[in-house]
Amino acid sequence: MQLDMSAEELKSALNRLRRAQGQLAGVIRMIEEGRDCEDVVTQLAAVSRALDRAGFAIIATGLEQCMTSEDPEVRDSAQMRARLEKLFLSLA
């Protein structure tokens, strides 16, 4: 199944991923500079949240596409449901 996101959904997901990318670069820099452990962990948690939000948005789009698909093989496929469930749980 190919993910078909609207321009707005794509922009939002990419913005979240870019934000996480910037935060991760900051974490790497902090570690290289020997910064305080608590500060590093706080920033690492922010990266994790940003990635989770982007992932959930992408998975939600995939779920919506499957549920509204006209193709009964996509909509009613137990295999497809299992794949989407596995993706969703991978972020939990």
N, C-alpha and C. Protein backbone atom coordinates (compact mmCIF):
# COMPACT_ATOMS: atom_id res chain seq x y z
N MET A 1 0.84 -1.17 0.00
CA MET A 1 0.00 0.00 0.00
C MET A 1 0.89 1.24 0.00
N GLN A 2 0.66 2.09 -0.95
CA GLN A 2 1.41 3.34 -1.04
C GLN A 2 0.71 4.40 -0.22
N LEU A 3 1.49 5.15 0.54
CA LEU A 3 0.94 6.21 1.36
C LEU A 3 0.66 7.42 0.50
N ASP A 4 -0.59 7.86 0.49
CA ASP A 4 -1.00 9.00 -0.31
C ASP A 4 -1.46 10.10 0.65
N MET A 5 -0.57 11.05 0.91
CA MET A 5 -0.87 12.12 1.85
C MET A 5 -1.20 13.39 1.09
N SER A 6 -2.13 14.15 1.64
CA SER A 6 -2.43 15.46 1.05
C SER A 6 -1.22 16.37 1.25
N ALA A 7 -1.19 17.45 0.52
CA ALA A 7 -0.08 18.39 0.62
C ALA A 7 0.07 18.90 2.05
N GLU A 8 -1.04 19.18 2.71
CA GLU A 8 -0.99 19.69 4.07
C GLU A 8 -0.50 18.63 5.05
N GLU A 9 -0.97 17.39 4.90
CA GLU A 9 -0.51 16.29 5.76
C GLU A 9 0.98 16.04 5.56
N LEU A 10 1.42 16.06 4.31
CA LEU A 10 2.82 15.84 4.00
C LEU A 10 3.68 16.95 4.60
N LYS A 11 3.24 18.19 4.45
CA LYS A 11 3.98 19.33 4.99
C LYS A 11 4.11 19.20 6.51
N SER A 12 3.03 18.84 7.17
CA SER A 12 3.03 18.71 8.63
C SER A 12 3.98 17.59 9.07
N ALA A 13 3.90 16.44 8.43
CA ALA A 13 4.77 15.31 8.79
C ALA A 13 6.23 15.66 8.55
N LEU A 14 6.52 16.28 7.41
CA LEU A 14 7.91 16.64 7.11
C LEU A 14 8.43 17.69 8.09
N ASN A 15 7.59 18.64 8.49
CA ASN A 15 8.00 19.63 9.47
C ASN A 15 8.36 18.97 10.80
N ARG A 16 7.54 18.02 11.22
CA ARG A 16 7.81 17.30 12.47
C ARG A 16 9.13 16.53 12.37
N LEU A 17 9.34 15.87 11.23
CA LEU A 17 10.57 15.10 11.05
C LEU A 17 11.80 16.01 11.00
N ARG A 18 11.66 17.16 10.35
CA ARG A 18 12.78 18.11 10.31
C ARG A 18 13.09 18.67 11.70
N ARG A 19 12.03 18.92 12.47
CA ARG A 19 12.22 19.41 13.84
C ARG A 19 12.97 18.35 14.66
N ALA A 20 12.55 17.09 14.51
CA ALA A 20 13.23 16.01 15.22
C ALA A 20 14.68 15.89 14.77
N GLN A 21 14.92 16.07 13.48
CA GLN A 21 16.28 16.00 12.95
C GLN A 21 17.16 17.09 13.58
N GLY A 22 16.62 18.29 13.68
CA GLY A 22 17.36 19.38 14.32
C GLY A 22 17.60 19.12 15.79
N GLN A 23 16.59 18.60 16.48
CA GLN A 23 16.75 18.29 17.89
C GLN A 23 17.79 17.18 18.09
N LEU A 24 17.78 16.19 17.22
CA LEU A 24 18.76 15.10 17.32
C LEU A 24 20.18 15.62 17.09
N ALA A 25 20.34 16.52 16.13
CA ALA A 25 21.66 17.13 15.91
C ALA A 25 22.11 17.86 17.17
N GLY A 26 21.16 18.51 17.84
CA GLY A 26 21.47 19.20 19.09
C GLY A 26 21.90 18.24 20.18
N VAL A 27 21.23 17.10 20.27
CA VAL A 27 21.58 16.09 21.26
C VAL A 27 23.00 15.58 21.00
N ILE A 28 23.30 15.30 19.75
CA ILE A 28 24.64 14.81 19.39
C ILE A 28 25.69 15.85 19.79
N ARG A 29 25.41 17.11 19.49
CA ARG A 29 26.33 18.19 19.84
C ARG A 29 26.52 18.26 21.36
N MET A 30 25.42 18.13 22.09
CA MET A 30 25.48 18.20 23.55
C MET A 30 26.36 17.07 24.11
N ILE A 31 26.21 15.88 23.56
CA ILE A 31 27.01 14.75 24.02
C ILE A 31 28.48 14.98 23.70
N GLU A 32 28.75 15.46 22.50
CA GLU A 32 30.13 15.73 22.10
C GLU A 32 30.79 16.80 22.98
N GLU A 33 29.97 17.74 23.44
CA GLU A 33 30.49 18.82 24.29
C GLU A 33 30.54 18.43 25.77
N GLY A 34 30.05 17.24 26.10
CA GLY A 34 30.07 16.79 27.49
C GLY A 34 29.07 17.51 28.37
N ARG A 35 27.92 17.85 27.80
CA ARG A 35 26.89 18.59 28.55
C ARG A 35 26.26 17.72 29.63
N ASP A 36 25.53 18.37 30.52
CA ASP A 36 24.87 17.73 31.65
C ASP A 36 23.92 16.63 31.19
N CYS A 37 23.97 15.50 31.87
CA CYS A 37 23.17 14.33 31.52
C CYS A 37 21.67 14.65 31.50
N GLU A 38 21.19 15.38 32.48
CA GLU A 38 19.76 15.70 32.56
C GLU A 38 19.31 16.51 31.35
N ASP A 39 20.15 17.45 30.92
CA ASP A 39 19.83 18.26 29.74
C ASP A 39 19.78 17.39 28.48
N VAL A 40 20.74 16.48 28.37
CA VAL A 40 20.79 15.58 27.21
C VAL A 40 19.54 14.71 27.17
N VAL A 41 19.17 14.13 28.29
CA VAL A 41 17.99 13.25 28.34
C VAL A 41 16.72 14.04 28.05
N THR A 42 16.62 15.26 28.53
CA THR A 42 15.45 16.09 28.26
C THR A 42 15.31 16.34 26.76
N GLN A 43 16.41 16.66 26.12
CA GLN A 43 16.37 16.89 24.67
C GLN A 43 16.10 15.61 23.90
N LEU A 44 16.65 14.51 24.37
CA LEU A 44 16.40 13.22 23.73
C LEU A 44 14.92 12.85 23.81
N ALA A 45 14.30 13.15 24.93
CA ALA A 45 12.86 12.90 25.07
C ALA A 45 12.06 13.75 24.09
N ALA A 46 12.50 14.97 23.85
CA ALA A 46 11.82 15.84 22.88
C ALA A 46 11.94 15.26 21.47
N VAL A 47 13.10 14.72 21.14
CA VAL A 47 13.28 14.09 19.83
C VAL A 47 12.32 12.91 19.69
N SER A 48 12.26 12.11 20.73
CA SER A 48 11.38 10.93 20.70
C SER A 48 9.92 11.32 20.51
N ARG A 49 9.48 12.36 21.20
CA ARG A 49 8.09 12.82 21.06
C ARG A 49 7.82 13.33 19.65
N ALA A 50 8.76 14.06 19.09
CA ALA A 50 8.59 14.59 17.73
C ALA A 50 8.49 13.45 16.72
N LEU A 51 9.32 12.44 16.87
CA LEU A 51 9.26 11.28 15.97
C LEU A 51 7.95 10.52 16.15
N ASP A 52 7.52 10.35 17.39
CA ASP A 52 6.26 9.66 17.65
C ASP A 52 5.09 10.39 16.99
N ARG A 53 5.05 11.69 17.12
CA ARG A 53 3.96 12.47 16.53
C ARG A 53 3.94 12.35 15.01
N ALA A 54 5.11 12.41 14.41
CA ALA A 54 5.18 12.26 12.95
C ALA A 54 4.74 10.85 12.55
N GLY A 55 5.21 9.86 13.27
CA GLY A 55 4.85 8.48 12.97
C GLY A 55 3.36 8.23 13.12
N PHE A 56 2.77 8.74 14.20
CA PHE A 56 1.34 8.56 14.40
C PHE A 56 0.53 9.24 13.30
N ALA A 57 0.97 10.41 12.87
CA ALA A 57 0.26 11.12 11.79
C ALA A 57 0.32 10.32 10.49
N ILE A 58 1.48 9.75 10.21
CA ILE A 58 1.63 8.95 8.99
C ILE A 58 0.79 7.68 9.07
N ILE A 59 0.81 7.02 10.20
CA ILE A 59 0.02 5.80 10.36
C ILE A 59 -1.47 6.11 10.31
N ALA A 60 -1.88 7.22 10.92
CA ALA A 60 -3.30 7.59 10.88
C ALA A 60 -3.76 7.80 9.44
N THR A 61 -2.92 8.39 8.62
CA THR A 61 -3.26 8.59 7.21
C THR A 61 -3.41 7.23 6.52
N GLY A 62 -2.49 6.32 6.81
CA GLY A 62 -2.58 4.98 6.23
C GLY A 62 -3.84 4.25 6.66
N LEU A 63 -4.19 4.37 7.93
CA LEU A 63 -5.42 3.73 8.43
C LEU A 63 -6.65 4.32 7.74
N GLU A 64 -6.68 5.62 7.61
CA GLU A 64 -7.81 6.28 6.96
C GLU A 64 -7.94 5.82 5.51
N GLN A 65 -6.82 5.71 4.81
CA GLN A 65 -6.86 5.27 3.42
C GLN A 65 -7.40 3.85 3.30
N CYS A 66 -6.99 2.98 4.20
CA CYS A 66 -7.46 1.60 4.15
C CYS A 66 -8.95 1.51 4.46
N MET A 67 -9.40 2.31 5.43
CA MET A 67 -10.80 2.24 5.84
C MET A 67 -11.74 2.84 4.81
N THR A 68 -11.23 3.78 4.00
CA THR A 68 -12.09 4.42 3.01
C THR A 68 -11.86 3.88 1.60
N SER A 69 -10.99 2.90 1.48
CA SER A 69 -10.68 2.35 0.16
C SER A 69 -11.90 1.68 -0.46
N GLU A 70 -12.05 1.87 -1.75
CA GLU A 70 -13.12 1.20 -2.49
C GLU A 70 -12.77 -0.25 -2.79
N ASP A 71 -11.50 -0.58 -2.71
CA ASP A 71 -11.01 -1.92 -3.01
C ASP A 71 -11.25 -2.81 -1.79
N PRO A 72 -12.16 -3.79 -1.90
CA PRO A 72 -12.46 -4.65 -0.74
C PRO A 72 -11.25 -5.47 -0.29
N GLU A 73 -10.33 -5.75 -1.20
CA GLU A 73 -9.14 -6.50 -0.80
C GLU A 73 -8.27 -5.69 0.14
N VAL A 74 -8.26 -4.39 -0.04
CA VAL A 74 -7.49 -3.52 0.85
C VAL A 74 -8.25 -3.32 2.16
N ARG A 75 -9.52 -2.95 2.05
CA ARG A 75 -10.31 -2.60 3.22
C ARG A 75 -10.56 -3.79 4.13
N ASP A 76 -10.81 -4.96 3.58
CA ASP A 76 -11.23 -6.10 4.38
C ASP A 76 -10.13 -7.13 4.62
N SER A 77 -8.96 -6.86 4.16
CA SER A 77 -7.87 -7.81 4.27
C SER A 77 -7.38 -7.95 5.72
N ALA A 78 -7.45 -9.15 6.24
CA ALA A 78 -6.93 -9.40 7.59
C ALA A 78 -5.43 -9.18 7.61
N GLN A 79 -4.78 -9.50 6.52
CA GLN A 79 -3.33 -9.30 6.43
C GLN A 79 -3.00 -7.81 6.50
N MET A 80 -3.78 -6.98 5.81
CA MET A 80 -3.55 -5.54 5.84
C MET A 80 -3.79 -4.99 7.24
N ARG A 81 -4.85 -5.44 7.89
CA ARG A 81 -5.11 -4.99 9.26
C ARG A 81 -3.96 -5.36 10.18
N ALA A 82 -3.45 -6.58 10.01
CA ALA A 82 -2.34 -7.04 10.85
C ALA A 82 -1.09 -6.18 10.61
N ARG A 83 -0.83 -5.84 9.35
CA ARG A 83 0.34 -5.01 9.03
C ARG A 83 0.20 -3.62 9.64
N LEU A 84 -1.00 -3.03 9.52
CA LEU A 84 -1.21 -1.70 10.08
C LEU A 84 -1.14 -1.73 11.61
N GLU A 85 -1.68 -2.77 12.21
CA GLU A 85 -1.61 -2.90 13.66
C GLU A 85 -0.15 -3.00 14.11
N LYS A 86 0.63 -3.77 13.39
CA LYS A 86 2.05 -3.92 13.73
C LYS A 86 2.77 -2.58 13.63
N LEU A 87 2.46 -1.82 12.57
CA LEU A 87 3.06 -0.49 12.43
C LEU A 87 2.67 0.43 13.59
N PHE A 88 1.40 0.42 13.93
CA PHE A 88 0.90 1.27 15.00
C PHE A 88 1.58 0.90 16.31
N LEU A 89 1.65 -0.38 16.61
CA LEU A 89 2.24 -0.83 17.87
C LEU A 89 3.75 -0.60 17.92
N SER A 90 4.38 -0.51 16.76
CA SER A 90 5.83 -0.26 16.76
C SER A 90 6.15 1.12 17.33
N LEU A 91 5.18 2.03 17.33
CA LEU A 91 5.39 3.36 17.90
C LEU A 91 4.94 3.46 19.35
N ALA A 92 4.24 2.45 19.82
CA ALA A 92 3.71 2.51 21.19
C ALA A 92 4.79 2.27 22.22
